[in-house]
């Protein structure tokens, strides 16, 4: 599975993307746990990071498959609040 990283996630991993092997039956929830274990600096952020699979927001029980593309999308902040 191709995994893409953006913004602070890219900074914490030091990567733009990488390839992960998908274990049969692995879910987005298991992937999130594996990410936190592999990159401990992400553990505190993981509850606020959204995972998309194949360019759609993914629920935690979605089963991952070989050939999927996942992206970790951190929360977006900023702006002045003045329009």
C-alpha atoms as a PDB file:
ATOM      1  CA  UNK A   1       0.000   0.000   0.000  1.00  0.00           C
ATOM      2  CA  UNK A   2       1.311   3.437  -0.865  1.00  0.00           C
ATOM      3  CA  UNK A   3       1.162   5.798   2.122  1.00  0.00           C
ATOM      4  CA  UNK A   4       1.453   9.553   1.639  1.00  0.00           C
ATOM      5  CA  UNK A   5       2.293  12.097   4.323  1.00  0.00           C
ATOM      6  CA  UNK A   6       1.405  15.778   4.470  1.00  0.00           C
ATOM      7  CA  UNK A   7       2.418  18.821   6.539  1.00  0.00           C
ATOM      8  CA  UNK A   8       3.355  17.987  10.145  1.00  0.00           C
ATOM      9  CA  UNK A   9       3.086  14.239   9.457  1.00  0.00           C
ATOM     10  CA  UNK A  10       5.721  14.632   6.739  1.00  0.00           C
ATOM     11  CA  UNK A  11       7.896  16.571   9.190  1.00  0.00           C
ATOM     12  CA  UNK A  12       7.557  13.913  11.921  1.00  0.00           C
ATOM     13  CA  UNK A  13       8.282  10.962   9.595  1.00  0.00           C
ATOM     14  CA  UNK A  14      10.867  12.703   7.438  1.00  0.00           C
ATOM     15  CA  UNK A  15       9.159  11.196   4.381  1.00  0.00           C
ATOM     16  CA  UNK A  16       6.785  12.284   1.635  1.00  0.00           C
ATOM     17  CA  UNK A  17       5.571   8.721   1.189  1.00  0.00           C
ATOM     18  CA  UNK A  18       6.482   5.096   1.735  1.00  0.00           C
ATOM     19  CA  UNK A  19       5.189   1.610   0.993  1.00  0.00           C
ATOM     20  CA  UNK A  20       3.566  -0.559   3.663  1.00  0.00           C
ATOM     21  CA  UNK A  21       2.828  -4.262   3.420  1.00  0.00           C
ATOM     22  CA  UNK A  22      -0.853  -4.944   4.053  1.00  0.00           C
ATOM     23  CA  UNK A  23      -1.674  -7.872   6.323  1.00  0.00           C
ATOM     24  CA  UNK A  24      -4.870  -9.735   5.403  1.00  0.00           C
ATOM     25  CA  UNK A  25      -7.794  -8.241   7.290  1.00  0.00           C
ATOM     26  CA  UNK A  26      -5.881  -5.145   8.430  1.00  0.00           C
ATOM     27  CA  UNK A  27      -8.157  -2.203   9.117  1.00  0.00           C
ATOM     28  CA  UNK A  28      -7.596   1.530   9.183  1.00  0.00           C
ATOM     29  CA  UNK A  29      -7.661   1.325  12.991  1.00  0.00           C
ATOM     30  CA  UNK A  30      -4.823  -1.225  12.965  1.00  0.00           C
ATOM     31  CA  UNK A  31      -2.910   0.921  10.478  1.00  0.00           C
ATOM     32  CA  UNK A  32      -3.274   3.949  12.751  1.00  0.00           C
ATOM     33  CA  UNK A  33      -1.910   1.924  15.697  1.00  0.00           C
ATOM     34  CA  UNK A  34       0.991   0.691  13.565  1.00  0.00           C
ATOM     35  CA  UNK A  35       1.786   4.268  12.524  1.00  0.00           C
ATOM     36  CA  UNK A  36       1.900   5.415  16.148  1.00  0.00           C
ATOM     37  CA  UNK A  37       4.179   2.482  17.019  1.00  0.00           C
ATOM     38  CA  UNK A  38       6.534   3.044  14.080  1.00  0.00           C
ATOM     39  CA  UNK A  39       6.642   6.822  14.556  1.00  0.00           C
ATOM     40  CA  UNK A  40       6.264   7.558  18.294  1.00  0.00           C
ATOM     41  CA  UNK A  41       6.408  11.293  17.600  1.00  0.00           C
ATOM     42  CA  UNK A  42       3.037  10.908  15.856  1.00  0.00           C
ATOM     43  CA  UNK A  43       1.293   9.097  18.724  1.00  0.00           C
ATOM     44  CA  UNK A  44      -0.084  12.262  20.346  1.00  0.00           C
ATOM     45  CA  UNK A  45      -1.303  13.567  16.973  1.00  0.00           C
ATOM     46  CA  UNK A  46      -2.969  10.375  15.736  1.00  0.00           C
ATOM     47  CA  UNK A  47      -6.377  11.071  17.341  1.00  0.00           C
ATOM     48  CA  UNK A  48      -6.604  14.266  15.261  1.00  0.00           C
ATOM     49  CA  UNK A  49      -5.173  12.876  12.015  1.00  0.00           C
ATOM     50  CA  UNK A  50      -7.632  11.842   9.321  1.00  0.00           C
ATOM     51  CA  UNK A  51      -6.842   8.822   7.173  1.00  0.00           C
ATOM     52  CA  UNK A  52      -8.007   8.729   3.600  1.00  0.00           C
ATOM     53  CA  UNK A  53      -7.920   5.584   1.482  1.00  0.00           C
ATOM     54  CA  UNK A  54      -8.071   5.876  -2.270  1.00  0.00           C
ATOM     55  CA  UNK A  55      -8.809   9.599  -1.889  1.00  0.00           C
ATOM     56  CA  UNK A  56     -11.854   9.162   0.349  1.00  0.00           C
ATOM     57  CA  UNK A  57     -12.056   9.648   4.099  1.00  0.00           C
ATOM     58  CA  UNK A  58     -11.883   6.211   5.693  1.00  0.00           C
ATOM     59  CA  UNK A  59     -13.706   4.825   8.703  1.00  0.00           C
ATOM     60  CA  UNK A  60     -11.671   2.906  11.253  1.00  0.00           C
ATOM     61  CA  UNK A  61     -13.214  -0.460  10.309  1.00  0.00           C
ATOM     62  CA  UNK A  62     -12.383  -0.204   6.589  1.00  0.00           C
ATOM     63  CA  UNK A  63     -10.309  -3.228   5.526  1.00  0.00           C
ATOM     64  CA  UNK A  64      -7.147  -2.284   3.636  1.00  0.00           C
ATOM     65  CA  UNK A  65      -5.974  -4.083   0.504  1.00  0.00           C
ATOM     66  CA  UNK A  66      -2.809  -4.331  -1.565  1.00  0.00           C
ATOM     67  CA  UNK A  67      -2.809  -1.542  -4.114  1.00  0.00           C
ATOM     68  CA  UNK A  68      -4.647   0.945  -1.870  1.00  0.00           C
ATOM     69  CA  UNK A  69      -3.298   4.438  -1.437  1.00  0.00           C
ATOM     70  CA  UNK A  70      -3.578   5.879   2.056  1.00  0.00           C
ATOM     71  CA  UNK A  71      -2.871   9.432   3.141  1.00  0.00           C
ATOM     72  CA  UNK A  72      -2.487  10.855   6.627  1.00  0.00           C
ATOM     73  CA  UNK A  73      -4.014  14.302   6.776  1.00  0.00           C
ATOM     74  CA  UNK A  74      -3.269  16.422   9.839  1.00  0.00           C
ATOM     75  CA  UNK A  75      -5.676  19.001  11.230  1.00  0.00           C
ATOM     76  CA  UNK A  76      -5.624  22.313   9.429  1.00  0.00           C
ATOM     77  CA  UNK A  77      -5.222  25.508  11.388  1.00  0.00           C
ATOM     78  CA  UNK A  78      -4.529  29.073  10.602  1.00  0.00           C
ATOM     79  CA  UNK A  79      -6.167  32.049   9.048  1.00  0.00           C
ATOM     80  CA  UNK A  80      -7.033  35.327  10.639  1.00  0.00           C
ATOM     81  CA  UNK A  81     -10.733  34.742  11.068  1.00  0.00           C
ATOM     82  CA  UNK A  82     -11.378  37.988   9.226  1.00  0.00           C
ATOM     83  CA  UNK A  83     -13.112  37.738   5.871  1.00  0.00           C
END
